[in-house]
């Protein structure tokens, strides 16, 4: 006999949605530090063997982030991510087919503060990636230092995240069976410093490494623009040349990560906190740009393909901005 459960009330659904977002924000702001503390503290308790065995496993498994990761479908399909999707909500928009016999390099823009669109659309099944792109396995690049954090690395690997280095990228893009996408958030941590409502500034003008990577592997480039990504948080004013911006750049050079001073709403009130605003995100996946393979592309080859990518990304933005309430006079600004 089939058991049917009564639908959850709207207030309860909203509380669960908020809780799912809070745990996600916490995971990127504090979970890593907590995992490090737990790993160290266990050595001084009767459970020291747990940390010792994990250290041995960590050593054996150290190459996994560079070899395509280790996704866990139960975690990718967790109901938590569906509640998080509905909080904003987040929608994945398909504009063209992706051939499962090929590999693709996706350029994701903008970074936003915490890259919510990239995480939900490509690291979980909340927005139905596998249904929209059957036969395609998504991978997302993340700073290598996060994979050095005990326990936390398992959480990252479960979603399909891989280390952000050339070795890791080439491993995914050179898989002969095809059917893989590698998503690179091109603007990176530095672009997060310009993430605020109404901003369409992309740190892309001089970032050409991903283009060179695509040419060396003959991998089609796919521009992706996430409308609403910059609307989730406000940020303390940090114009270029200010003492705060200089400090943030200096800390980024030292630690490898940026520290945007962001804020939005709270858990029980709406005036201030670190919980993102409930604002919709529409992540639009553009059509593939064919790339001719060259083992050693010249600077001219890279520049030409880079310019073509900028043009296609701008075209994608202009074609869809009206649907998502972007003013007609707003355009992408490449710096």
C-alpha atoms as a PDB file:
ATOM      1  CA  UNK A   1       0.000   0.000   0.000  1.00  0.00           C
ATOM      2  CA  UNK A   2       1.394   3.365  -0.982  1.00  0.00           C
ATOM      3  CA  UNK A   3       1.769   5.798   1.885  1.00  0.00           C
ATOM      4  CA  UNK A   4       1.025   9.432   1.076  1.00  0.00           C
ATOM      5  CA  UNK A   5       2.313  12.251   3.240  1.00  0.00           C
ATOM      6  CA  UNK A   6       0.494  15.527   3.689  1.00  0.00           C
ATOM      7  CA  UNK A   7       2.275  18.459   2.003  1.00  0.00           C
ATOM      8  CA  UNK A   8       4.285  20.707   4.283  1.00  0.00           C
ATOM      9  CA  UNK A   9       2.728  24.010   5.222  1.00  0.00           C
ATOM     10  CA  UNK A  10       4.120  27.115   3.510  1.00  0.00           C
ATOM     11  CA  UNK A  11       5.639  28.561   6.732  1.00  0.00           C
ATOM     12  CA  UNK A  12       7.419  25.246   7.412  1.00  0.00           C
ATOM     13  CA  UNK A  13       8.689  25.081   3.825  1.00  0.00           C
ATOM     14  CA  UNK A  14      10.113  28.591   4.152  1.00  0.00           C
ATOM     15  CA  UNK A  15      11.838  27.690   7.434  1.00  0.00           C
ATOM     16  CA  UNK A  16      13.393  24.620   5.828  1.00  0.00           C
ATOM     17  CA  UNK A  17      14.514  26.697   2.857  1.00  0.00           C
ATOM     18  CA  UNK A  18      16.173  29.227   5.153  1.00  0.00           C
ATOM     19  CA  UNK A  19      17.807  26.446   7.196  1.00  0.00           C
ATOM     20  CA  UNK A  20      19.254  24.874   4.031  1.00  0.00           C
ATOM     21  CA  UNK A  21      20.780  28.205   2.981  1.00  0.00           C
ATOM     22  CA  UNK A  22      22.170  28.864   6.465  1.00  0.00           C
ATOM     23  CA  UNK A  23      23.981  25.499   6.506  1.00  0.00           C
ATOM     24  CA  UNK A  24      25.418  26.237   3.048  1.00  0.00           C
ATOM     25  CA  UNK A  25      26.715  29.667   4.077  1.00  0.00           C
ATOM     26  CA  UNK A  26      28.137  28.136   7.273  1.00  0.00           C
ATOM     27  CA  UNK A  27      29.851  25.378   5.280  1.00  0.00           C
ATOM     28  CA  UNK A  28      31.878  27.913   3.298  1.00  0.00           C
ATOM     29  CA  UNK A  29      32.531  30.365   6.108  1.00  0.00           C
ATOM     30  CA  UNK A  30      33.257  28.126   9.085  1.00  0.00           C
ATOM     31  CA  UNK A  31      32.916  24.405   8.355  1.00  0.00           C
ATOM     32  CA  UNK A  32      36.482  24.156   7.084  1.00  0.00           C
ATOM     33  CA  UNK A  33      37.881  25.667  10.279  1.00  0.00           C
ATOM     34  CA  UNK A  34      35.680  23.372  12.361  1.00  0.00           C
ATOM     35  CA  UNK A  35      36.949  20.328  10.451  1.00  0.00           C
ATOM     36  CA  UNK A  36      40.565  21.320  11.057  1.00  0.00           C
ATOM     37  CA  UNK A  37      39.867  21.826  14.758  1.00  0.00           C
ATOM     38  CA  UNK A  38      38.093  18.461  15.000  1.00  0.00           C
ATOM     39  CA  UNK A  39      40.929  16.650  13.212  1.00  0.00           C
ATOM     40  CA  UNK A  40      43.516  18.091  15.617  1.00  0.00           C
ATOM     41  CA  UNK A  41      41.440  17.721  18.785  1.00  0.00           C
ATOM     42  CA  UNK A  42      40.693  14.052  18.131  1.00  0.00           C
ATOM     43  CA  UNK A  43      44.418  13.305  18.429  1.00  0.00           C
ATOM     44  CA  UNK A  44      44.237  14.310  22.104  1.00  0.00           C
ATOM     45  CA  UNK A  45      41.282  12.101  22.953  1.00  0.00           C
ATOM     46  CA  UNK A  46      40.612   8.372  23.106  1.00  0.00           C
ATOM     47  CA  UNK A  47      39.361   8.703  19.529  1.00  0.00           C
ATOM     48  CA  UNK A  48      42.842   9.594  18.239  1.00  0.00           C
ATOM     49  CA  UNK A  49      42.727   6.558  15.950  1.00  0.00           C
ATOM     50  CA  UNK A  50      39.997   8.214  13.877  1.00  0.00           C
ATOM     51  CA  UNK A  51      42.308  11.070  12.918  1.00  0.00           C
ATOM     52  CA  UNK A  52      45.241   8.713  12.452  1.00  0.00           C
ATOM     53  CA  UNK A  53      43.309   6.465  10.079  1.00  0.00           C
ATOM     54  CA  UNK A  54      41.906   9.456   8.230  1.00  0.00           C
ATOM     55  CA  UNK A  55      45.424  10.873   7.805  1.00  0.00           C
ATOM     56  CA  UNK A  56      46.473   7.574   6.214  1.00  0.00           C
ATOM     57  CA  UNK A  57      43.414   7.643   3.940  1.00  0.00           C
ATOM     58  CA  UNK A  58      44.125  11.265   3.064  1.00  0.00           C
ATOM     59  CA  UNK A  59      47.632  10.315   1.948  1.00  0.00           C
ATOM     60  CA  UNK A  60      46.388   7.398  -0.170  1.00  0.00           C
ATOM     61  CA  UNK A  61      43.581   9.469  -1.678  1.00  0.00           C
ATOM     62  CA  UNK A  62      45.541  12.693  -2.204  1.00  0.00           C
ATOM     63  CA  UNK A  63      45.377  12.558  -6.017  1.00  0.00           C
ATOM     64  CA  UNK A  64      41.575  12.227  -6.263  1.00  0.00           C
ATOM     65  CA  UNK A  65      40.920  16.013  -6.548  1.00  0.00           C
ATOM     66  CA  UNK A  66      43.263  15.996  -9.563  1.00  0.00           C
ATOM     67  CA  UNK A  67      41.679  12.892 -11.133  1.00  0.00           C
ATOM     68  CA  UNK A  68      38.081  13.905 -11.696  1.00  0.00           C
ATOM     69  CA  UNK A  69      36.931  13.873  -8.078  1.00  0.00           C
ATOM     70  CA  UNK A  70      34.596  11.407  -6.416  1.00  0.00           C
ATOM     71  CA  UNK A  71      30.933  12.374  -6.611  1.00  0.00           C
ATOM     72  CA  UNK A  72      28.364  10.789  -4.310  1.00  0.00           C
ATOM     73  CA  UNK A  73      24.958  10.813  -5.983  1.00  0.00           C
ATOM     74  CA  UNK A  74      23.028  10.481  -2.715  1.00  0.00           C
ATOM     75  CA  UNK A  75      24.518  13.774  -1.548  1.00  0.00           C
ATOM     76  CA  UNK A  76      24.097  15.484  -4.930  1.00  0.00           C
ATOM     77  CA  UNK A  77      20.409  14.508  -4.892  1.00  0.00           C
ATOM     78  CA  UNK A  78      19.774  15.478  -1.269  1.00  0.00           C
ATOM     79  CA  UNK A  79      16.482  17.189  -0.462  1.00  0.00           C
ATOM     80  CA  UNK A  80      18.507  19.915   1.288  1.00  0.00           C
ATOM     81  CA  UNK A  81      19.583  21.302  -2.077  1.00  0.00           C
ATOM     82  CA  UNK A  82      15.992  21.364  -3.353  1.00  0.00           C
ATOM     83  CA  UNK A  83      14.967  23.479  -0.390  1.00  0.00           C
ATOM     84  CA  UNK A  84      17.940  25.745  -1.048  1.00  0.00           C
ATOM     85  CA  UNK A  85      16.939  26.005  -4.734  1.00  0.00           C
ATOM     86  CA  UNK A  86      13.433  27.083  -3.765  1.00  0.00           C
ATOM     87  CA  UNK A  87      14.735  29.677  -1.295  1.00  0.00           C
ATOM     88  CA  UNK A  88      15.944  32.033  -4.039  1.00  0.00           C
ATOM     89  CA  UNK A  89      14.699  30.298  -6.334  1.00  0.00           C
ATOM     90  CA  UNK A  90      17.372  29.030  -8.782  1.00  0.00           C
ATOM     91  CA  UNK A  91      16.612  28.036 -12.383  1.00  0.00           C
ATOM     92  CA  UNK A  92      18.966  26.423 -14.897  1.00  0.00           C
ATOM     93  CA  UNK A  93      18.226  27.574 -18.456  1.00  0.00           C
ATOM     94  CA  UNK A  94      19.304  25.525 -21.469  1.00  0.00           C
ATOM     95  CA  UNK A  95      19.758  27.257 -24.842  1.00  0.00           C
ATOM     96  CA  UNK A  96      21.540  24.525 -26.827  1.00  0.00           C
ATOM     97  CA  UNK A  97      22.247  20.803 -26.768  1.00  0.00           C
ATOM     98  CA  UNK A  98      25.532  19.415 -25.465  1.00  0.00           C
ATOM     99  CA  UNK A  99      26.748  16.329 -27.317  1.00  0.00           C
ATOM    100  CA  UNK A 100      27.493  13.561 -24.759  1.00  0.00           C
ATOM    101  CA  UNK A 101      30.284  12.317 -27.033  1.00  0.00           C
ATOM    102  CA  UNK A 102      32.271  15.504 -26.417  1.00  0.00           C
ATOM    103  CA  UNK A 103      33.808  17.263 -23.437  1.00  0.00           C
ATOM    104  CA  UNK A 104      33.100  20.948 -22.778  1.00  0.00           C
ATOM    105  CA  UNK A 105      34.694  23.805 -20.875  1.00  0.00           C
ATOM    106  CA  UNK A 106      32.076  26.070 -19.291  1.00  0.00           C
ATOM    107  CA  UNK A 107      32.993  29.619 -18.301  1.00  0.00           C
ATOM    108  CA  UNK A 108      30.746  30.722 -15.430  1.00  0.00           C
ATOM    109  CA  UNK A 109      30.023  34.438 -14.833  1.00  0.00           C
ATOM    110  CA  UNK A 110      29.825  36.303 -12.525  1.00  0.00           C
ATOM    111  CA  UNK A 111      31.454  34.820  -9.432  1.00  0.00           C
ATOM    112  CA  UNK A 112      29.133  36.615  -7.026  1.00  0.00           C
ATOM    113  CA  UNK A 113      30.015  36.489  -3.337  1.00  0.00           C
ATOM    114  CA  UNK A 114      29.638  32.732  -2.786  1.00  0.00           C
ATOM    115  CA  UNK A 115      28.898  31.424  -6.324  1.00  0.00           C
ATOM    116  CA  UNK A 116      25.469  30.089  -5.335  1.00  0.00           C
ATOM    117  CA  UNK A 117      24.377  29.497  -8.945  1.00  0.00           C
ATOM    118  CA  UNK A 118      27.474  27.494  -9.828  1.00  0.00           C
ATOM    119  CA  UNK A 119      27.137  25.353  -6.725  1.00  0.00           C
ATOM    120  CA  UNK A 120      23.427  24.539  -6.995  1.00  0.00           C
ATOM    121  CA  UNK A 121      23.340  24.015 -10.757  1.00  0.00           C
ATOM    122  CA  UNK A 122      26.544  22.031 -11.264  1.00  0.00           C
ATOM    123  CA  UNK A 123      27.399  20.506  -7.849  1.00  0.00           C
ATOM    124  CA  UNK A 124      23.890  19.262  -7.064  1.00  0.00           C
ATOM    125  CA  UNK A 125      20.887  17.948  -8.986  1.00  0.00           C
ATOM    126  CA  UNK A 126      18.543  20.519  -7.441  1.00  0.00           C
ATOM    127  CA  UNK A 127      17.935  22.286 -10.757  1.00  0.00           C
ATOM    128  CA  UNK A 128      17.871  19.086 -12.831  1.00  0.00           C
ATOM    129  CA  UNK A 129      21.210  19.282 -14.647  1.00  0.00           C
ATOM    130  CA  UNK A 130      21.231  15.598 -15.623  1.00  0.00           C
ATOM    131  CA  UNK A 131      17.680  15.812 -16.970  1.00  0.00           C
ATOM    132  CA  UNK A 132      18.471  18.901 -19.054  1.00  0.00           C
ATOM    133  CA  UNK A 133      21.815  17.559 -20.293  1.00  0.00           C
ATOM    134  CA  UNK A 134      21.542  13.751 -20.380  1.00  0.00           C
ATOM    135  CA  UNK A 135      24.798  11.862 -20.668  1.00  0.00           C
ATOM    136  CA  UNK A 136      26.839  14.788 -19.323  1.00  0.00           C
ATOM    137  CA  UNK A 137      28.818  14.625 -16.064  1.00  0.00           C
ATOM    138  CA  UNK A 138      29.505  18.066 -14.538  1.00  0.00           C
ATOM    139  CA  UNK A 139      32.711  19.039 -12.746  1.00  0.00           C
ATOM    140  CA  UNK A 140      33.458  22.388 -11.091  1.00  0.00           C
ATOM    141  CA  UNK A 141      36.915  23.729 -10.292  1.00  0.00           C
ATOM    142  CA  UNK A 142      37.718  25.033  -6.813  1.00  0.00           C
ATOM    143  CA  UNK A 143      40.866  26.404  -5.182  1.00  0.00           C
ATOM    144  CA  UNK A 144      43.277  23.600  -4.342  1.00  0.00           C
ATOM    145  CA  UNK A 145      43.743  24.744  -0.749  1.00  0.00           C
ATOM    146  CA  UNK A 146      40.186  23.675   0.156  1.00  0.00           C
ATOM    147  CA  UNK A 147      41.070  20.064  -0.653  1.00  0.00           C
ATOM    148  CA  UNK A 148      43.779  20.151   2.019  1.00  0.00           C
ATOM    149  CA  UNK A 149      41.195  20.480   4.793  1.00  0.00           C
ATOM    150  CA  UNK A 150      40.488  17.124   6.471  1.00  0.00           C
ATOM    151  CA  UNK A 151      36.895  15.836   6.307  1.00  0.00           C
ATOM    152  CA  UNK A 152      35.783  18.984   4.452  1.00  0.00           C
ATOM    153  CA  UNK A 153      37.456  17.716   1.274  1.00  0.00           C
ATOM    154  CA  UNK A 154      35.073  14.725   1.250  1.00  0.00           C
ATOM    155  CA  UNK A 155      32.118  17.108   1.273  1.00  0.00           C
ATOM    156  CA  UNK A 156      33.568  18.987  -1.701  1.00  0.00           C
ATOM    157  CA  UNK A 157      34.444  15.859  -3.672  1.00  0.00           C
ATOM    158  CA  UNK A 158      30.921  14.466  -3.216  1.00  0.00           C
ATOM    159  CA  UNK A 159      29.498  17.272  -5.341  1.00  0.00           C
ATOM    160  CA  UNK A 160      31.873  16.875  -8.274  1.00  0.00           C
ATOM    161  CA  UNK A 161      34.336  19.606  -7.322  1.00  0.00           C
ATOM    162  CA  UNK A 162      37.933  19.221  -8.524  1.00  0.00           C
ATOM    163  CA  UNK A 163      41.170  21.055  -7.886  1.00  0.00           C
ATOM    164  CA  UNK A 164      41.778  24.256  -9.850  1.00  0.00           C
ATOM    165  CA  UNK A 165      45.047  23.425 -11.583  1.00  0.00           C
ATOM    166  CA  UNK A 166      46.010  22.545 -15.144  1.00  0.00           C
ATOM    167  CA  UNK A 167      46.627  18.886 -14.343  1.00  0.00           C
ATOM    168  CA  UNK A 168      43.127  18.472 -12.936  1.00  0.00           C
ATOM    169  CA  UNK A 169      41.490  20.346 -15.828  1.00  0.00           C
ATOM    170  CA  UNK A 170      43.354  18.369 -18.485  1.00  0.00           C
ATOM    171  CA  UNK A 171      42.388  15.071 -16.862  1.00  0.00           C
ATOM    172  CA  UNK A 172      38.681  15.894 -17.249  1.00  0.00           C
ATOM    173  CA  UNK A 173      38.899  17.465 -20.713  1.00  0.00           C
ATOM    174  CA  UNK A 174      40.991  14.639 -22.196  1.00  0.00           C
ATOM    175  CA  UNK A 175      38.689  11.798 -21.233  1.00  0.00           C
ATOM    176  CA  UNK A 176      38.248   9.920 -24.529  1.00  0.00           C
ATOM    177  CA  UNK A 177      34.676   8.764 -23.848  1.00  0.00           C
ATOM    178  CA  UNK A 178      33.412  12.359 -23.704  1.00  0.00           C
ATOM    179  CA  UNK A 179      30.348  13.456 -21.795  1.00  0.00           C
ATOM    180  CA  UNK A 180      32.128  15.721 -19.289  1.00  0.00           C
ATOM    181  CA  UNK A 181      31.846  19.411 -18.543  1.00  0.00           C
ATOM    182  CA  UNK A 182      34.402  21.387 -16.587  1.00  0.00           C
ATOM    183  CA  UNK A 183      33.044  24.623 -15.120  1.00  0.00           C
ATOM    184  CA  UNK A 184      35.542  27.369 -14.357  1.00  0.00           C
ATOM    185  CA  UNK A 185      34.398  30.473 -12.483  1.00  0.00           C
ATOM    186  CA  UNK A 186      36.713  32.629 -14.561  1.00  0.00           C
ATOM    187  CA  UNK A 187      36.615  35.828 -12.477  1.00  0.00           C
ATOM    188  CA  UNK A 188      37.646  33.888  -9.405  1.00  0.00           C
ATOM    189  CA  UNK A 189      37.951  35.207  -5.894  1.00  0.00           C
ATOM    190  CA  UNK A 190      39.098  38.655  -7.039  1.00  0.00           C
ATOM    191  CA  UNK A 191      35.854  39.216  -8.954  1.00  0.00           C
ATOM    192  CA  UNK A 192      33.901  38.634  -5.730  1.00  0.00           C
ATOM    193  CA  UNK A 193      35.168  42.021  -4.528  1.00  0.00           C
ATOM    194  CA  UNK A 194      32.945  43.683  -7.161  1.00  0.00           C
ATOM    195  CA  UNK A 195      29.896  41.528  -6.449  1.00  0.00           C
ATOM    196  CA  UNK A 196      27.029  43.800  -5.409  1.00  0.00           C
ATOM    197  CA  UNK A 197      23.479  44.438  -6.651  1.00  0.00           C
ATOM    198  CA  UNK A 198      23.334  46.061 -10.064  1.00  0.00           C
ATOM    199  CA  UNK A 199      26.971  45.281 -10.892  1.00  0.00           C
ATOM    200  CA  UNK A 200      27.873  43.673 -14.236  1.00  0.00           C
ATOM    201  CA  UNK A 201      31.649  43.980 -13.943  1.00  0.00           C
ATOM    202  CA  UNK A 202      33.497  40.847 -15.075  1.00  0.00           C
ATOM    203  CA  UNK A 203      37.193  40.269 -14.446  1.00  0.00           C
ATOM    204  CA  UNK A 204      37.805  38.732 -17.851  1.00  0.00           C
ATOM    205  CA  UNK A 205      39.726  41.081 -20.148  1.00  0.00           C
ATOM    206  CA  UNK A 206      43.149  39.644 -19.271  1.00  0.00           C
ATOM    207  CA  UNK A 207      42.081  36.169 -18.153  1.00  0.00           C
ATOM    208  CA  UNK A 208      43.006  33.923 -21.049  1.00  0.00           C
ATOM    209  CA  UNK A 209      44.322  30.769 -19.382  1.00  0.00           C
ATOM    210  CA  UNK A 210      41.003  28.949 -19.757  1.00  0.00           C
ATOM    211  CA  UNK A 211      40.970  29.787 -23.470  1.00  0.00           C
ATOM    212  CA  UNK A 212      44.478  28.416 -23.933  1.00  0.00           C
ATOM    213  CA  UNK A 213      43.417  25.276 -22.061  1.00  0.00           C
ATOM    214  CA  UNK A 214      40.452  24.811 -24.389  1.00  0.00           C
ATOM    215  CA  UNK A 215      42.622  25.211 -27.512  1.00  0.00           C
ATOM    216  CA  UNK A 216      45.271  22.788 -26.255  1.00  0.00           C
ATOM    217  CA  UNK A 217      42.579  20.156 -25.718  1.00  0.00           C
ATOM    218  CA  UNK A 218      40.330  21.055 -28.651  1.00  0.00           C
ATOM    219  CA  UNK A 219      37.455  21.498 -26.194  1.00  0.00           C
ATOM    220  CA  UNK A 220      34.410  23.622 -27.125  1.00  0.00           C
ATOM    221  CA  UNK A 221      33.906  26.677 -24.910  1.00  0.00           C
ATOM    222  CA  UNK A 222      30.460  27.337 -23.452  1.00  0.00           C
ATOM    223  CA  UNK A 223      29.656  30.767 -21.948  1.00  0.00           C
ATOM    224  CA  UNK A 224      27.381  30.695 -18.895  1.00  0.00           C
ATOM    225  CA  UNK A 225      25.831  33.792 -17.338  1.00  0.00           C
ATOM    226  CA  UNK A 226      24.023  33.638 -14.001  1.00  0.00           C
ATOM    227  CA  UNK A 227      21.474  36.460 -13.840  1.00  0.00           C
ATOM    228  CA  UNK A 228      20.846  37.500 -10.237  1.00  0.00           C
ATOM    229  CA  UNK A 229      24.127  36.137  -8.877  1.00  0.00           C
ATOM    230  CA  UNK A 230      25.285  39.571  -7.744  1.00  0.00           C
ATOM    231  CA  UNK A 231      21.923  40.455  -6.182  1.00  0.00           C
ATOM    232  CA  UNK A 232      22.180  38.112  -3.187  1.00  0.00           C
ATOM    233  CA  UNK A 233      24.378  40.242  -0.914  1.00  0.00           C
ATOM    234  CA  UNK A 234      25.269  43.853  -0.290  1.00  0.00           C
ATOM    235  CA  UNK A 235      28.931  44.646   0.221  1.00  0.00           C
ATOM    236  CA  UNK A 236      30.803  47.300   2.158  1.00  0.00           C
ATOM    237  CA  UNK A 237      31.982  49.997  -0.248  1.00  0.00           C
ATOM    238  CA  UNK A 238      35.502  49.149  -1.485  1.00  0.00           C
ATOM    239  CA  UNK A 239      36.258  51.269  -4.566  1.00  0.00           C
ATOM    240  CA  UNK A 240      39.550  50.676  -6.330  1.00  0.00           C
ATOM    241  CA  UNK A 241      42.339  52.595  -4.671  1.00  0.00           C
ATOM    242  CA  UNK A 242      40.639  52.646  -1.263  1.00  0.00           C
ATOM    243  CA  UNK A 243      42.475  51.340   1.812  1.00  0.00           C
ATOM    244  CA  UNK A 244      39.963  48.516   2.140  1.00  0.00           C
ATOM    245  CA  UNK A 245      40.446  47.359  -1.454  1.00  0.00           C
ATOM    246  CA  UNK A 246      44.235  47.438  -1.063  1.00  0.00           C
ATOM    247  CA  UNK A 247      43.964  45.415   2.132  1.00  0.00           C
ATOM    248  CA  UNK A 248      41.664  42.868   0.472  1.00  0.00           C
ATOM    249  CA  UNK A 249      44.063  42.461  -2.462  1.00  0.00           C
ATOM    250  CA  UNK A 250      46.984  42.039  -0.077  1.00  0.00           C
ATOM    251  CA  UNK A 251      45.156  39.363   1.925  1.00  0.00           C
ATOM    252  CA  UNK A 252      44.217  37.601  -1.303  1.00  0.00           C
ATOM    253  CA  UNK A 253      47.869  37.495  -2.360  1.00  0.00           C
ATOM    254  CA  UNK A 254      48.815  35.977   1.008  1.00  0.00           C
ATOM    255  CA  UNK A 255      45.938  33.506   1.500  1.00  0.00           C
ATOM    256  CA  UNK A 256      44.752  32.849  -2.070  1.00  0.00           C
ATOM    257  CA  UNK A 257      41.146  33.755  -1.227  1.00  0.00           C
ATOM    258  CA  UNK A 258      39.360  37.106  -1.216  1.00  0.00           C
ATOM    259  CA  UNK A 259      37.495  38.472   1.790  1.00  0.00           C
ATOM    260  CA  UNK A 260      34.541  40.552   0.612  1.00  0.00           C
ATOM    261  CA  UNK A 261      32.769  42.261   3.532  1.00  0.00           C
ATOM    262  CA  UNK A 262      29.266  41.196   2.585  1.00  0.00           C
ATOM    263  CA  UNK A 263      25.959  41.307   4.393  1.00  0.00           C
ATOM    264  CA  UNK A 264      22.279  40.778   3.657  1.00  0.00           C
ATOM    265  CA  UNK A 265      19.499  39.601   5.999  1.00  0.00           C
ATOM    266  CA  UNK A 266      19.381  37.611   9.217  1.00  0.00           C
ATOM    267  CA  UNK A 267      17.652  34.374  10.178  1.00  0.00           C
ATOM    268  CA  UNK A 268      14.901  35.943  12.268  1.00  0.00           C
ATOM    269  CA  UNK A 269      14.981  39.505  10.938  1.00  0.00           C
ATOM    270  CA  UNK A 270      15.517  41.140   7.560  1.00  0.00           C
ATOM    271  CA  UNK A 271      17.665  44.162   8.342  1.00  0.00           C
ATOM    272  CA  UNK A 272      21.167  42.681   8.723  1.00  0.00           C
ATOM    273  CA  UNK A 273      22.945  39.326   8.657  1.00  0.00           C
ATOM    274  CA  UNK A 274      24.885  36.876   6.505  1.00  0.00           C
ATOM    275  CA  UNK A 275      21.890  35.039   5.028  1.00  0.00           C
ATOM    276  CA  UNK A 276      21.450  35.925   1.320  1.00  0.00           C
ATOM    277  CA  UNK A 277      18.391  37.784   0.098  1.00  0.00           C
ATOM    278  CA  UNK A 278      15.541  35.806  -1.463  1.00  0.00           C
ATOM    279  CA  UNK A 279      16.194  36.899  -5.033  1.00  0.00           C
ATOM    280  CA  UNK A 280      15.872  34.693  -8.124  1.00  0.00           C
ATOM    281  CA  UNK A 281      18.888  33.333  -9.978  1.00  0.00           C
ATOM    282  CA  UNK A 282      18.640  32.311 -13.635  1.00  0.00           C
ATOM    283  CA  UNK A 283      21.753  30.504 -14.852  1.00  0.00           C
ATOM    284  CA  UNK A 284      21.748  30.534 -18.655  1.00  0.00           C
ATOM    285  CA  UNK A 285      23.967  28.028 -20.450  1.00  0.00           C
ATOM    286  CA  UNK A 286      24.914  29.331 -23.902  1.00  0.00           C
ATOM    287  CA  UNK A 287      25.697  27.466 -27.078  1.00  0.00           C
ATOM    288  CA  UNK A 288      29.108  25.786 -27.552  1.00  0.00           C
ATOM    289  CA  UNK A 289      31.843  27.672 -29.374  1.00  0.00           C
ATOM    290  CA  UNK A 290      33.868  25.290 -31.604  1.00  0.00           C
ATOM    291  CA  UNK A 291      37.592  25.274 -30.818  1.00  0.00           C
ATOM    292  CA  UNK A 292      40.298  23.935 -33.128  1.00  0.00           C
ATOM    293  CA  UNK A 293      42.899  21.888 -31.273  1.00  0.00           C
ATOM    294  CA  UNK A 294      46.483  23.155 -31.302  1.00  0.00           C
ATOM    295  CA  UNK A 295      49.164  21.643 -29.121  1.00  0.00           C
ATOM    296  CA  UNK A 296      51.045  24.931 -28.786  1.00  0.00           C
ATOM    297  CA  UNK A 297      48.687  27.811 -29.643  1.00  0.00           C
ATOM    298  CA  UNK A 298      50.243  31.172 -30.394  1.00  0.00           C
ATOM    299  CA  UNK A 299      49.308  34.351 -28.550  1.00  0.00           C
ATOM    300  CA  UNK A 300      47.369  35.400 -31.642  1.00  0.00           C
ATOM    301  CA  UNK A 301      45.375  32.148 -31.576  1.00  0.00           C
ATOM    302  CA  UNK A 302      44.514  32.680 -27.908  1.00  0.00           C
ATOM    303  CA  UNK A 303      43.616  36.351 -28.406  1.00  0.00           C
ATOM    304  CA  UNK A 304      41.306  35.593 -31.324  1.00  0.00           C
ATOM    305  CA  UNK A 305      39.455  32.852 -29.464  1.00  0.00           C
ATOM    306  CA  UNK A 306      39.310  34.968 -26.310  1.00  0.00           C
ATOM    307  CA  UNK A 307      37.693  37.828 -28.235  1.00  0.00           C
ATOM    308  CA  UNK A 308      35.208  35.427 -29.792  1.00  0.00           C
ATOM    309  CA  UNK A 309      34.324  34.179 -26.316  1.00  0.00           C
ATOM    310  CA  UNK A 310      33.786  37.749 -25.066  1.00  0.00           C
ATOM    311  CA  UNK A 311      31.527  38.451 -28.034  1.00  0.00           C
ATOM    312  CA  UNK A 312      29.460  35.310 -27.457  1.00  0.00           C
ATOM    313  CA  UNK A 313      29.150  36.023 -23.738  1.00  0.00           C
ATOM    314  CA  UNK A 314      28.006  39.588 -24.456  1.00  0.00           C
ATOM    315  CA  UNK A 315      25.513  38.275 -27.015  1.00  0.00           C
ATOM    316  CA  UNK A 316      24.153  35.777 -24.480  1.00  0.00           C
ATOM    317  CA  UNK A 317      23.692  38.552 -21.925  1.00  0.00           C
ATOM    318  CA  UNK A 318      22.010  40.937 -24.365  1.00  0.00           C
ATOM    319  CA  UNK A 319      19.624  38.274 -25.693  1.00  0.00           C
ATOM    320  CA  UNK A 320      18.345  37.289 -22.252  1.00  0.00           C
ATOM    321  CA  UNK A 321      18.628  40.381 -20.040  1.00  0.00           C
ATOM    322  CA  UNK A 322      15.123  41.674 -20.804  1.00  0.00           C
ATOM    323  CA  UNK A 323      13.600  38.386 -19.596  1.00  0.00           C
ATOM    324  CA  UNK A 324      15.220  38.823 -16.202  1.00  0.00           C
ATOM    325  CA  UNK A 325      14.397  42.519 -15.673  1.00  0.00           C
ATOM    326  CA  UNK A 326      17.816  43.920 -16.514  1.00  0.00           C
ATOM    327  CA  UNK A 327      17.501  47.548 -17.738  1.00  0.00           C
ATOM    328  CA  UNK A 328      18.101  48.082 -21.444  1.00  0.00           C
ATOM    329  CA  UNK A 329      21.020  50.461 -20.784  1.00  0.00           C
ATOM    330  CA  UNK A 330      22.927  47.864 -18.722  1.00  0.00           C
ATOM    331  CA  UNK A 331      25.769  46.023 -20.467  1.00  0.00           C
ATOM    332  CA  UNK A 332      28.639  43.777 -19.427  1.00  0.00           C
ATOM    333  CA  UNK A 333      31.831  45.565 -18.472  1.00  0.00           C
ATOM    334  CA  UNK A 334      35.053  43.614 -18.959  1.00  0.00           C
ATOM    335  CA  UNK A 335      38.064  44.663 -16.924  1.00  0.00           C
END
